[in-house]
Amino acid sequence: MQLYLPRFCMGQIFSRFVKPVAPKNVNQKKRALQIAIKEKQQQLEQSGLLDENIKQERFTHTTNYNFETYLKYTKLVKAEKEKEVQVIQPKQKRVAIYDRPKFDLSLTDYYVWTTFHDPYYKPDEYSEIVVCKIYLSPKGLIHAFGMGMDPWRNKLATKEFDFEDSNLDKFCLYDAKQTTKYWGPNRTEQFYNKQQYLKPIYRKQRWPTFEEFWTQEEKAPFRVNCTRYGDFRKFKEWIQQEIERCSKLPSFEERVLKKYGQPEFYADYSKNYQCKTEPAVYKYTREYFLEKGQKLDQSNVLNIPLQPPEHLGEEYRVPNK
C-alpha cells in the first residue's frame, strides 16, 4: 500500500529532523566579523591597553568633575551664601468655626403626614437618586403608619409609603432587595453550611419571606426618594421619633377606627345610606386633625373655621332702576 502526501506536509515532516543551514552570504559575514575582532585584539595587546586577566579594553577618565575649579561656579556659590536665608513658613489653614449646627434638625413647626391622593411621581425605579437610607423596624413602621401601598414605582420593593411635609415636599419610603421576592426562594441548610471556606462577604445568605420581613423587629435599610429641595435630614429625624412615639400607642388601624369609625363602602344595595351634602371645608378645620390638648392660634385667619353665608348681603344686591 502506497501513501501519498502533499509537498507541504513532506516539508513539515523532514524539517523536524534536518538542521536548517544558513545561506552562504550570512556565513561569509560572520567570518569577516570574527577576523576583524581578532585584528583589534592584536592591536590592543601590542599597545598594552588590553588586560590579560580581564581581556577587556581599559577606560580612562579624561573629564574633570571638580566644579570648584571653575570660576563661574564658585562665584554663584559665594553669592548664594551671602544672601540672607529667608525662612518660608507654610500658610495656615483656615479653621472653620460654626456658631450653629451644620444641618438644622430641629422639628419645631415641622409636620409630616401620609399622602395617597398625590404621591411622589417617579417614572422609573432608577430614575431618581436615593437621598439617604434609614434603618427602621418593619413591624414598627406598619404599627405607626399602616400597611402602606403595593409597589408601582419600585419593582425591587414590596411596600411603599408616601409622605408630605409642611414645606410641601414629597417623600417616598420603600424597602429594596430585602426579601425572597428579589433573591428567589432559599435553598437547603446543607447548601449554606458548605460555605465555611469562603469569606463572609462572598457567602450567600438566607433572605426572609414577605411575611417574615414585615413582622420582624430588627432594623432593616429603607431607601428614600424626595423632591428636589426636600429636607431629607429632617424627615429622617422625624420618622425615627414618630415610630418610637407610636410604639407606646395602639396600632394605626385601631387609632383610625376609633377616630373615624367603621368605613362605609356603599356596596349593600338593600341598605339605605345617609347622603352627606355638607361640604367638608365647612365641617373639618385644622383643629379636627390635632391631638387632644393641642390648640391653634385663633389670631391666624386660616385657623378660624369658615361659616357659609345663607344668602348674599345687601351690598351685593343690584338695585332696580
C-alpha atoms as a PDB file:
ATOM      1  CA  MET A   1       0.000   0.000   0.000  1.00  0.00           C
ATOM      2  CA  GLN A   2       1.446   3.346  -1.063  1.00  0.00           C
ATOM      3  CA  LEU A   3       0.800   6.575   0.883  1.00  0.00           C
ATOM      4  CA  TYR A   4       0.796   9.873  -0.991  1.00  0.00           C
ATOM      5  CA  LEU A   5       1.263  13.108   0.910  1.00  0.00           C
ATOM      6  CA  PRO A   6       1.275  16.650  -0.447  1.00  0.00           C
ATOM      7  CA  ARG A   7       4.534  18.555  -0.699  1.00  0.00           C
ATOM      8  CA  PHE A   8       3.868  20.975   2.177  1.00  0.00           C
ATOM      9  CA  CYS A   9       3.259  18.005   4.530  1.00  0.00           C
ATOM     10  CA  MET A  10       6.543  16.363   3.499  1.00  0.00           C
ATOM     11  CA  GLY A  11       8.386  19.628   4.167  1.00  0.00           C
ATOM     12  CA  GLN A  12       6.967  19.889   7.659  1.00  0.00           C
ATOM     13  CA  ILE A  13       7.905  16.298   8.497  1.00  0.00           C
ATOM     14  CA  PHE A  14      11.535  16.475   7.296  1.00  0.00           C
ATOM     15  CA  SER A  15      12.117  19.940   8.810  1.00  0.00           C
ATOM     16  CA  ARG A  16      11.919  18.382  12.289  1.00  0.00           C
ATOM     17  CA  PHE A  17      14.897  16.072  11.673  1.00  0.00           C
ATOM     18  CA  VAL A  18      17.100  18.114   9.323  1.00  0.00           C
ATOM     19  CA  LYS A  19      19.093  21.004  10.847  1.00  0.00           C
ATOM     20  CA  PRO A  20      18.483  24.228   8.895  1.00  0.00           C
ATOM     21  CA  VAL A  21      21.541  25.553   7.028  1.00  0.00           C
ATOM     22  CA  ALA A  22      22.162  29.291   6.841  1.00  0.00           C
ATOM     23  CA  PRO A  23      22.765  30.807   3.411  1.00  0.00           C
ATOM     24  CA  LYS A  24      26.334  31.400   2.192  1.00  0.00           C
ATOM     25  CA  ASN A  25      26.195  35.194   2.444  1.00  0.00           C
ATOM     26  CA  VAL A  26      25.476  35.012   6.198  1.00  0.00           C
ATOM     27  CA  ASN A  27      28.438  32.696   6.845  1.00  0.00           C
ATOM     28  CA  GLN A  28      30.792  34.993   4.953  1.00  0.00           C
ATOM     29  CA  LYS A  29      29.689  37.995   7.044  1.00  0.00           C
ATOM     30  CA  LYS A  30      30.263  36.091  10.282  1.00  0.00           C
ATOM     31  CA  ARG A  31      33.778  35.070   9.246  1.00  0.00           C
ATOM     32  CA  ALA A  32      34.679  38.625   8.258  1.00  0.00           C
ATOM     33  CA  LEU A  33      33.442  39.896  11.652  1.00  0.00           C
ATOM     34  CA  GLN A  34      35.486  37.311  13.563  1.00  0.00           C
ATOM     35  CA  ILE A  35      38.646  38.248  11.632  1.00  0.00           C
ATOM     36  CA  ALA A  36      38.102  41.959  12.404  1.00  0.00           C
ATOM     37  CA  ILE A  37      37.718  41.221  16.126  1.00  0.00           C
ATOM     38  CA  LYS A  38      40.952  39.217  16.205  1.00  0.00           C
ATOM     39  CA  GLU A  39      42.870  42.013  14.480  1.00  0.00           C
ATOM     40  CA  LYS A  40      41.513  44.541  17.002  1.00  0.00           C
ATOM     41  CA  GLN A  41      42.604  42.344  19.916  1.00  0.00           C
ATOM     42  CA  GLN A  42      46.116  42.005  18.495  1.00  0.00           C
ATOM     43  CA  GLN A  43      46.421  45.801  18.142  1.00  0.00           C
ATOM     44  CA  LEU A  44      45.354  46.317  21.758  1.00  0.00           C
ATOM     45  CA  GLU A  45      47.807  43.694  23.060  1.00  0.00           C
ATOM     46  CA  GLN A  46      50.672  45.328  21.241  1.00  0.00           C
ATOM     47  CA  SER A  47      49.758  48.797  22.643  1.00  0.00           C
ATOM     48  CA  GLY A  48      49.383  47.393  26.217  1.00  0.00           C
ATOM     49  CA  LEU A  49      45.805  48.630  26.697  1.00  0.00           C
ATOM     50  CA  LEU A  50      44.302  45.128  26.953  1.00  0.00           C
ATOM     51  CA  ASP A  51      44.452  43.451  30.342  1.00  0.00           C
ATOM     52  CA  GLU A  52      45.334  39.783  30.068  1.00  0.00           C
ATOM     53  CA  ASN A  53      43.129  38.793  33.034  1.00  0.00           C
ATOM     54  CA  ILE A  54      40.025  40.777  32.076  1.00  0.00           C
ATOM     55  CA  LYS A  55      40.506  40.634  28.302  1.00  0.00           C
ATOM     56  CA  GLN A  56      38.746  43.995  28.003  1.00  0.00           C
ATOM     57  CA  GLU A  57      39.696  47.465  26.925  1.00  0.00           C
ATOM     58  CA  ARG A  58      40.640  49.846  29.748  1.00  0.00           C
ATOM     59  CA  PHE A  59      38.694  53.115  30.104  1.00  0.00           C
ATOM     60  CA  THR A  60      40.433  56.286  31.310  1.00  0.00           C
ATOM     61  CA  HIS A  61      38.527  59.334  32.640  1.00  0.00           C
ATOM     62  CA  THR A  62      39.500  62.488  30.815  1.00  0.00           C
ATOM     63  CA  THR A  63      36.839  64.893  32.161  1.00  0.00           C
ATOM     64  CA  ASN A  64      37.190  66.821  35.422  1.00  0.00           C
ATOM     65  CA  TYR A  65      34.130  66.644  37.697  1.00  0.00           C
ATOM     66  CA  ASN A  66      35.507  69.043  40.323  1.00  0.00           C
ATOM     67  CA  PHE A  67      33.271  72.084  39.741  1.00  0.00           C
ATOM     68  CA  GLU A  68      35.117  74.198  42.318  1.00  0.00           C
ATOM     69  CA  THR A  69      37.927  74.795  39.824  1.00  0.00           C
ATOM     70  CA  TYR A  70      35.532  76.736  37.596  1.00  0.00           C
ATOM     71  CA  LEU A  71      35.251  80.447  38.451  1.00  0.00           C
ATOM     72  CA  LYS A  72      31.601  80.787  37.455  1.00  0.00           C
ATOM     73  CA  TYR A  73      30.570  78.030  39.800  1.00  0.00           C
ATOM     74  CA  THR A  74      32.478  79.428  42.802  1.00  0.00           C
ATOM     75  CA  LYS A  75      31.055  82.922  42.270  1.00  0.00           C
ATOM     76  CA  LEU A  76      27.488  81.652  42.237  1.00  0.00           C
ATOM     77  CA  VAL A  77      28.005  79.632  45.429  1.00  0.00           C
ATOM     78  CA  LYS A  78      29.527  82.591  47.297  1.00  0.00           C
ATOM     79  CA  ALA A  79      26.700  84.902  46.187  1.00  0.00           C
ATOM     80  CA  GLU A  80      24.054  82.494  47.479  1.00  0.00           C
ATOM     81  CA  LYS A  81      25.822  82.085  50.833  1.00  0.00           C
ATOM     82  CA  GLU A  82      25.992  85.841  51.323  1.00  0.00           C
ATOM     83  CA  LYS A  83      22.259  86.215  50.873  1.00  0.00           C
ATOM     84  CA  GLU A  84      20.132  86.198  53.976  1.00  0.00           C
ATOM     85  CA  VAL A  85      18.328  82.945  54.495  1.00  0.00           C
ATOM     86  CA  GLN A  86      14.585  83.610  54.462  1.00  0.00           C
ATOM     87  CA  VAL A  87      12.526  81.033  56.341  1.00  0.00           C
ATOM     88  CA  ILE A  88       9.420  80.271  54.316  1.00  0.00           C
ATOM     89  CA  GLN A  89       6.581  79.177  56.552  1.00  0.00           C
ATOM     90  CA  PRO A  90       3.565  77.329  55.161  1.00  0.00           C
ATOM     91  CA  LYS A  91       0.269  79.171  55.072  1.00  0.00           C
ATOM     92  CA  GLN A  92      -2.013  78.331  57.957  1.00  0.00           C
ATOM     93  CA  LYS A  93      -5.195  76.578  57.010  1.00  0.00           C
ATOM     94  CA  ARG A  94      -8.389  78.485  57.706  1.00  0.00           C
ATOM     95  CA  VAL A  95     -10.179  76.957  60.660  1.00  0.00           C
ATOM     96  CA  ALA A  96     -13.937  76.905  60.095  1.00  0.00           C
ATOM     97  CA  ILE A  97     -15.820  77.938  63.223  1.00  0.00           C
ATOM     98  CA  TYR A  98     -19.539  77.138  63.195  1.00  0.00           C
ATOM     99  CA  ASP A  99     -21.761  79.069  65.593  1.00  0.00           C
ATOM    100  CA  ARG A 100     -24.718  76.855  64.627  1.00  0.00           C
ATOM    101  CA  PRO A 101     -25.138  73.200  63.599  1.00  0.00           C
ATOM    102  CA  LYS A 102     -24.287  72.300  60.035  1.00  0.00           C
ATOM    103  CA  PHE A 103     -27.808  70.982  59.420  1.00  0.00           C
ATOM    104  CA  ASP A 104     -30.945  72.229  61.107  1.00  0.00           C
ATOM    105  CA  LEU A 105     -32.544  69.149  62.683  1.00  0.00           C
ATOM    106  CA  SER A 106     -34.983  70.933  64.995  1.00  0.00           C
ATOM    107  CA  LEU A 107     -38.546  69.734  64.443  1.00  0.00           C
ATOM    108  CA  THR A 108     -40.298  72.869  65.683  1.00  0.00           C
ATOM    109  CA  ASP A 109     -43.059  73.925  63.273  1.00  0.00           C
ATOM    110  CA  TYR A 110     -42.263  70.881  61.118  1.00  0.00           C
ATOM    111  CA  TYR A 111     -45.114  68.478  60.327  1.00  0.00           C
ATOM    112  CA  VAL A 112     -45.291  65.387  58.130  1.00  0.00           C
ATOM    113  CA  TRP A 113     -48.322  63.365  57.083  1.00  0.00           C
ATOM    114  CA  THR A 114     -49.036  60.389  54.837  1.00  0.00           C
ATOM    115  CA  THR A 115     -50.483  61.021  51.386  1.00  0.00           C
ATOM    116  CA  PHE A 116     -52.466  58.877  48.974  1.00  0.00           C
ATOM    117  CA  HIS A 117     -54.167  61.347  46.620  1.00  0.00           C
ATOM    118  CA  ASP A 118     -50.967  62.991  45.278  1.00  0.00           C
ATOM    119  CA  PRO A 119     -47.967  60.660  45.721  1.00  0.00           C
ATOM    120  CA  TYR A 120     -44.391  61.260  44.662  1.00  0.00           C
ATOM    121  CA  TYR A 121     -44.115  60.652  40.903  1.00  0.00           C
ATOM    122  CA  LYS A 122     -41.250  58.513  39.676  1.00  0.00           C
ATOM    123  CA  PRO A 123     -41.154  57.370  36.021  1.00  0.00           C
ATOM    124  CA  ASP A 124     -38.686  54.532  36.634  1.00  0.00           C
ATOM    125  CA  GLU A 125     -37.175  52.782  39.654  1.00  0.00           C
ATOM    126  CA  TYR A 126     -33.664  54.022  38.774  1.00  0.00           C
ATOM    127  CA  SER A 127     -34.675  57.489  37.547  1.00  0.00           C
ATOM    128  CA  GLU A 128     -34.342  59.262  40.920  1.00  0.00           C
ATOM    129  CA  ILE A 129     -31.449  59.486  43.378  1.00  0.00           C
ATOM    130  CA  VAL A 130     -31.625  57.672  46.710  1.00  0.00           C
ATOM    131  CA  VAL A 131     -31.012  60.651  49.010  1.00  0.00           C
ATOM    132  CA  CYS A 132     -30.497  58.542  52.139  1.00  0.00           C
ATOM    133  CA  LYS A 133     -31.046  55.173  53.784  1.00  0.00           C
ATOM    134  CA  ILE A 134     -32.938  54.868  57.053  1.00  0.00           C
ATOM    135  CA  TYR A 135     -32.667  51.806  59.284  1.00  0.00           C
ATOM    136  CA  LEU A 136     -36.154  51.121  60.659  1.00  0.00           C
ATOM    137  CA  SER A 137     -38.069  48.222  62.129  1.00  0.00           C
ATOM    138  CA  PRO A 138     -40.579  46.918  59.521  1.00  0.00           C
ATOM    139  CA  LYS A 139     -43.010  45.919  62.253  1.00  0.00           C
ATOM    140  CA  GLY A 140     -42.763  49.350  63.902  1.00  0.00           C
ATOM    141  CA  LEU A 141     -43.257  51.076  60.541  1.00  0.00           C
ATOM    142  CA  ILE A 142     -46.555  49.261  59.930  1.00  0.00           C
ATOM    143  CA  HIS A 143     -47.616  49.840  63.515  1.00  0.00           C
ATOM    144  CA  ALA A 144     -47.108  53.606  63.101  1.00  0.00           C
ATOM    145  CA  PHE A 145     -48.299  54.258  59.520  1.00  0.00           C
ATOM    146  CA  GLY A 146     -50.405  51.290  58.477  1.00  0.00           C
ATOM    147  CA  MET A 147     -49.910  48.693  55.756  1.00  0.00           C
ATOM    148  CA  GLY A 148     -48.685  51.104  53.070  1.00  0.00           C
ATOM    149  CA  MET A 149     -49.248  50.646  49.344  1.00  0.00           C
ATOM    150  CA  ASP A 150     -48.255  47.955  46.893  1.00  0.00           C
ATOM    151  CA  PRO A 151     -45.177  48.925  44.836  1.00  0.00           C
ATOM    152  CA  TRP A 152     -45.995  50.502  41.491  1.00  0.00           C
ATOM    153  CA  ARG A 153     -42.831  52.647  41.073  1.00  0.00           C
ATOM    154  CA  ASN A 154     -40.136  50.381  42.575  1.00  0.00           C
ATOM    155  CA  LYS A 155     -40.058  46.810  41.320  1.00  0.00           C
ATOM    156  CA  LEU A 156     -37.367  45.922  43.858  1.00  0.00           C
ATOM    157  CA  ALA A 157     -39.661  46.757  46.801  1.00  0.00           C
ATOM    158  CA  THR A 158     -42.596  45.025  48.473  1.00  0.00           C
ATOM    159  CA  LYS A 159     -44.273  48.116  50.004  1.00  0.00           C
ATOM    160  CA  GLU A 160     -44.188  51.885  49.533  1.00  0.00           C
ATOM    161  CA  PHE A 161     -45.041  54.754  51.895  1.00  0.00           C
ATOM    162  CA  ASP A 162     -45.686  58.316  50.679  1.00  0.00           C
ATOM    163  CA  PHE A 163     -45.262  61.363  52.909  1.00  0.00           C
ATOM    164  CA  GLU A 164     -45.594  65.125  52.577  1.00  0.00           C
ATOM    165  CA  ASP A 165     -44.143  67.702  54.964  1.00  0.00           C
ATOM    166  CA  SER A 166     -45.128  71.262  55.922  1.00  0.00           C
ATOM    167  CA  ASN A 167     -42.867  72.613  53.147  1.00  0.00           C
ATOM    168  CA  LEU A 168     -44.997  70.635  50.615  1.00  0.00           C
ATOM    169  CA  ASP A 169     -42.033  68.423  49.731  1.00  0.00           C
ATOM    170  CA  LYS A 170     -42.848  64.801  48.951  1.00  0.00           C
ATOM    171  CA  PHE A 171     -41.021  61.690  50.156  1.00  0.00           C
ATOM    172  CA  CYS A 172     -41.211  58.060  49.069  1.00  0.00           C
ATOM    173  CA  LEU A 173     -40.029  55.404  51.552  1.00  0.00           C
ATOM    174  CA  TYR A 174     -39.603  51.800  50.404  1.00  0.00           C
ATOM    175  CA  ASP A 175     -37.617  48.632  51.052  1.00  0.00           C
ATOM    176  CA  ALA A 176     -35.328  47.282  48.318  1.00  0.00           C
ATOM    177  CA  LYS A 177     -33.835  43.798  47.841  1.00  0.00           C
ATOM    178  CA  GLN A 178     -34.761  42.640  51.337  1.00  0.00           C
ATOM    179  CA  THR A 179     -36.998  39.606  50.681  1.00  0.00           C
ATOM    180  CA  THR A 180     -37.171  36.460  48.616  1.00  0.00           C
ATOM    181  CA  LYS A 181     -39.244  38.369  46.076  1.00  0.00           C
ATOM    182  CA  TYR A 182     -35.973  39.680  44.615  1.00  0.00           C
ATOM    183  CA  TRP A 183     -33.447  36.941  45.580  1.00  0.00           C
ATOM    184  CA  GLY A 184     -35.676  33.957  44.907  1.00  0.00           C
ATOM    185  CA  PRO A 185     -36.554  31.100  47.276  1.00  0.00           C
ATOM    186  CA  ASN A 186     -33.997  29.974  49.838  1.00  0.00           C
ATOM    187  CA  ARG A 187     -32.012  26.752  49.402  1.00  0.00           C
ATOM    188  CA  THR A 188     -31.489  23.903  51.835  1.00  0.00           C
ATOM    189  CA  GLU A 189     -29.468  24.306  55.033  1.00  0.00           C
ATOM    190  CA  GLN A 190     -26.800  21.978  53.666  1.00  0.00           C
ATOM    191  CA  PHE A 191     -26.024  24.476  50.891  1.00  0.00           C
ATOM    192  CA  TYR A 192     -25.390  27.308  53.362  1.00  0.00           C
ATOM    193  CA  ASN A 193     -23.329  25.112  55.721  1.00  0.00           C
ATOM    194  CA  LYS A 194     -20.870  24.235  52.931  1.00  0.00           C
ATOM    195  CA  GLN A 195     -19.705  27.864  52.565  1.00  0.00           C
ATOM    196  CA  GLN A 196     -17.397  27.883  55.586  1.00  0.00           C
ATOM    197  CA  TYR A 197     -14.298  28.020  53.365  1.00  0.00           C
ATOM    198  CA  LEU A 198     -15.433  31.318  51.811  1.00  0.00           C
ATOM    199  CA  LYS A 199     -15.043  34.761  53.309  1.00  0.00           C
ATOM    200  CA  PRO A 200     -18.226  36.129  54.916  1.00  0.00           C
ATOM    201  CA  ILE A 201     -18.683  38.750  52.176  1.00  0.00           C
ATOM    202  CA  TYR A 202     -18.743  36.031  49.498  1.00  0.00           C
ATOM    203  CA  ARG A 203     -21.152  33.706  51.274  1.00  0.00           C
ATOM    204  CA  LYS A 204     -24.761  33.538  50.141  1.00  0.00           C
ATOM    205  CA  GLN A 205     -27.244  34.238  52.908  1.00  0.00           C
ATOM    206  CA  ARG A 206     -30.822  33.413  53.654  1.00  0.00           C
ATOM    207  CA  TRP A 207     -33.440  36.077  52.956  1.00  0.00           C
ATOM    208  CA  PRO A 208     -36.769  36.413  54.779  1.00  0.00           C
ATOM    209  CA  THR A 209     -40.074  35.951  53.026  1.00  0.00           C
ATOM    210  CA  PHE A 210     -42.644  38.730  52.683  1.00  0.00           C
ATOM    211  CA  GLU A 211     -44.464  37.752  55.887  1.00  0.00           C
ATOM    212  CA  GLU A 212     -41.251  37.199  57.877  1.00  0.00           C
ATOM    213  CA  PHE A 213     -39.798  40.564  56.853  1.00  0.00           C
ATOM    214  CA  TRP A 214     -42.814  42.708  57.809  1.00  0.00           C
ATOM    215  CA  THR A 215     -43.189  41.010  61.180  1.00  0.00           C
ATOM    216  CA  GLN A 216     -39.571  41.271  62.313  1.00  0.00           C
ATOM    217  CA  GLU A 217     -38.455  43.854  64.877  1.00  0.00           C
ATOM    218  CA  GLU A 218     -34.838  44.017  63.727  1.00  0.00           C
ATOM    219  CA  LYS A 219     -33.984  47.166  61.814  1.00  0.00           C
ATOM    220  CA  ALA A 220     -33.573  46.958  58.032  1.00  0.00           C
ATOM    221  CA  PRO A 221     -32.442  49.569  55.467  1.00  0.00           C
ATOM    222  CA  PHE A 222     -35.165  51.586  53.740  1.00  0.00           C
ATOM    223  CA  ARG A 223     -34.484  53.879  50.786  1.00  0.00           C
ATOM    224  CA  VAL A 224     -35.822  57.419  50.423  1.00  0.00           C
ATOM    225  CA  ASN A 225     -36.605  59.450  47.302  1.00  0.00           C
ATOM    226  CA  CYS A 226     -37.762  63.035  47.566  1.00  0.00           C
ATOM    227  CA  THR A 227     -38.376  66.161  45.541  1.00  0.00           C
ATOM    228  CA  ARG A 228     -35.533  68.466  44.588  1.00  0.00           C
ATOM    229  CA  TYR A 229     -35.449  70.676  47.694  1.00  0.00           C
ATOM    230  CA  GLY A 230     -36.738  68.137  50.196  1.00  0.00           C
ATOM    231  CA  ASP A 231     -35.083  68.298  53.623  1.00  0.00           C
ATOM    232  CA  PHE A 232     -34.471  64.575  53.962  1.00  0.00           C
ATOM    233  CA  ARG A 233     -32.346  65.004  57.105  1.00  0.00           C
ATOM    234  CA  LYS A 234     -35.277  66.458  58.993  1.00  0.00           C
ATOM    235  CA  PHE A 235     -37.542  63.775  57.580  1.00  0.00           C
ATOM    236  CA  LYS A 236     -35.144  61.070  58.786  1.00  0.00           C
ATOM    237  CA  GLU A 237     -35.105  62.560  62.288  1.00  0.00           C
ATOM    238  CA  TRP A 238     -38.894  62.927  62.319  1.00  0.00           C
ATOM    239  CA  ILE A 239     -39.770  59.390  61.210  1.00  0.00           C
ATOM    240  CA  GLN A 240     -37.443  57.807  63.768  1.00  0.00           C
ATOM    241  CA  GLN A 241     -39.012  59.835  66.583  1.00  0.00           C
ATOM    242  CA  GLU A 242     -42.538  59.168  65.292  1.00  0.00           C
ATOM    243  CA  ILE A 243     -42.054  55.383  65.222  1.00  0.00           C
ATOM    244  CA  GLU A 244     -40.656  55.479  68.745  1.00  0.00           C
ATOM    245  CA  ARG A 245     -43.618  57.590  69.922  1.00  0.00           C
ATOM    246  CA  CYS A 246     -46.239  55.367  68.246  1.00  0.00           C
ATOM    247  CA  SER A 247     -44.725  52.204  69.747  1.00  0.00           C
ATOM    248  CA  LYS A 248     -46.451  53.118  73.040  1.00  0.00           C
ATOM    249  CA  LEU A 249     -49.823  53.739  71.323  1.00  0.00           C
ATOM    250  CA  PRO A 250     -52.325  51.351  69.706  1.00  0.00           C
ATOM    251  CA  SER A 251     -51.817  50.341  66.089  1.00  0.00           C
ATOM    252  CA  PHE A 252     -52.605  52.628  63.165  1.00  0.00           C
ATOM    253  CA  GLU A 253     -55.825  50.770  62.250  1.00  0.00           C
ATOM    254  CA  GLU A 254     -57.124  50.893  65.826  1.00  0.00           C
ATOM    255  CA  ARG A 255     -56.494  54.626  66.074  1.00  0.00           C
ATOM    256  CA  VAL A 256     -58.239  55.313  62.758  1.00  0.00           C
ATOM    257  CA  LEU A 257     -61.315  53.211  63.624  1.00  0.00           C
ATOM    258  CA  LYS A 258     -61.596  54.887  66.997  1.00  0.00           C
ATOM    259  CA  LYS A 259     -61.488  58.379  65.486  1.00  0.00           C
ATOM    260  CA  TYR A 260     -63.421  57.973  62.215  1.00  0.00           C
ATOM    261  CA  GLY A 261     -65.483  54.858  62.829  1.00  0.00           C
ATOM    262  CA  GLN A 262     -66.141  51.926  60.530  1.00  0.00           C
ATOM    263  CA  PRO A 263     -65.858  52.946  56.864  1.00  0.00           C
ATOM    264  CA  GLU A 264     -68.866  52.700  54.566  1.00  0.00           C
ATOM    265  CA  PHE A 265     -68.312  51.346  51.066  1.00  0.00           C
ATOM    266  CA  TYR A 266     -71.921  51.744  49.843  1.00  0.00           C
ATOM    267  CA  ALA A 267     -71.861  48.195  48.474  1.00  0.00           C
ATOM    268  CA  ASP A 268     -75.099  46.890  50.009  1.00  0.00           C
ATOM    269  CA  TYR A 269     -77.960  47.856  47.650  1.00  0.00           C
ATOM    270  CA  SER A 270     -80.654  46.767  50.118  1.00  0.00           C
ATOM    271  CA  LYS A 271     -79.476  49.284  52.743  1.00  0.00           C
ATOM    272  CA  ASN A 272     -80.455  52.932  52.838  1.00  0.00           C
ATOM    273  CA  TYR A 273     -77.362  55.087  53.301  1.00  0.00           C
ATOM    274  CA  GLN A 274     -77.363  58.651  54.550  1.00  0.00           C
ATOM    275  CA  CYS A 275     -76.198  61.078  51.897  1.00  0.00           C
ATOM    276  CA  LYS A 276     -73.876  63.775  53.196  1.00  0.00           C
ATOM    277  CA  THR A 277     -74.431  67.053  51.421  1.00  0.00           C
ATOM    278  CA  GLU A 278     -72.425  69.334  53.733  1.00  0.00           C
ATOM    279  CA  PRO A 279     -69.081  70.323  52.173  1.00  0.00           C
ATOM    280  CA  ALA A 280     -66.025  69.109  54.064  1.00  0.00           C
ATOM    281  CA  VAL A 281     -64.414  72.562  54.007  1.00  0.00           C
ATOM    282  CA  TYR A 282     -67.075  73.780  56.488  1.00  0.00           C
ATOM    283  CA  LYS A 283     -67.155  70.608  58.538  1.00  0.00           C
ATOM    284  CA  TYR A 284     -63.453  69.953  59.174  1.00  0.00           C
ATOM    285  CA  THR A 285     -60.938  72.530  60.333  1.00  0.00           C
ATOM    286  CA  ARG A 286     -57.279  72.312  61.297  1.00  0.00           C
ATOM    287  CA  GLU A 287     -58.271  71.732  64.896  1.00  0.00           C
ATOM    288  CA  TYR A 288     -60.011  68.488  63.902  1.00  0.00           C
ATOM    289  CA  PHE A 289     -56.704  66.840  62.978  1.00  0.00           C
ATOM    290  CA  LEU A 290     -54.847  67.806  66.187  1.00  0.00           C
ATOM    291  CA  GLU A 291     -54.229  65.559  69.145  1.00  0.00           C
ATOM    292  CA  LYS A 292     -56.050  66.014  72.409  1.00  0.00           C
ATOM    293  CA  GLY A 293     -54.862  69.010  74.379  1.00  0.00           C
ATOM    294  CA  GLN A 294     -53.450  70.874  71.371  1.00  0.00           C
ATOM    295  CA  LYS A 295     -54.916  74.232  70.377  1.00  0.00           C
ATOM    296  CA  LEU A 296     -54.460  76.563  67.450  1.00  0.00           C
ATOM    297  CA  ASP A 297     -53.696  80.243  67.496  1.00  0.00           C
ATOM    298  CA  GLN A 298     -57.006  81.967  66.752  1.00  0.00           C
ATOM    299  CA  SER A 299     -55.220  85.179  65.732  1.00  0.00           C
ATOM    300  CA  ASN A 300     -54.346  83.477  62.466  1.00  0.00           C
ATOM    301  CA  VAL A 301     -57.148  83.827  59.930  1.00  0.00           C
ATOM    302  CA  LEU A 302     -56.508  80.380  58.477  1.00  0.00           C
ATOM    303  CA  ASN A 303     -57.247  78.734  61.842  1.00  0.00           C
ATOM    304  CA  ILE A 304     -60.737  80.265  62.149  1.00  0.00           C
ATOM    305  CA  PRO A 305     -63.472  77.892  60.872  1.00  0.00           C
ATOM    306  CA  LEU A 306     -65.412  79.033  57.846  1.00  0.00           C
ATOM    307  CA  GLN A 307     -69.107  79.850  58.127  1.00  0.00           C
ATOM    308  CA  PRO A 308     -71.120  79.615  54.906  1.00  0.00           C
ATOM    309  CA  PRO A 309     -73.481  82.573  54.320  1.00  0.00           C
ATOM    310  CA  GLU A 310     -77.180  81.780  53.877  1.00  0.00           C
ATOM    311  CA  HIS A 311     -77.715  84.459  51.213  1.00  0.00           C
ATOM    312  CA  LEU A 312     -75.878  87.372  49.699  1.00  0.00           C
ATOM    313  CA  GLY A 313     -75.768  90.585  51.675  1.00  0.00           C
ATOM    314  CA  GLU A 314     -77.479  93.791  50.714  1.00  0.00           C
ATOM    315  CA  GLU A 315     -74.200  95.249  49.446  1.00  0.00           C
ATOM    316  CA  TYR A 316     -74.183  92.638  46.666  1.00  0.00           C
ATOM    317  CA  ARG A 317     -77.784  93.307  45.578  1.00  0.00           C
ATOM    318  CA  VAL A 318     -78.206  95.231  42.288  1.00  0.00           C
ATOM    319  CA  PRO A 319     -80.791  97.978  42.681  1.00  0.00           C
ATOM    320  CA  ASN A 320     -83.715  98.108  40.285  1.00  0.00           C
ATOM    321  CA  LYS A 321     -83.848 101.211  38.161  1.00  0.00           C
END
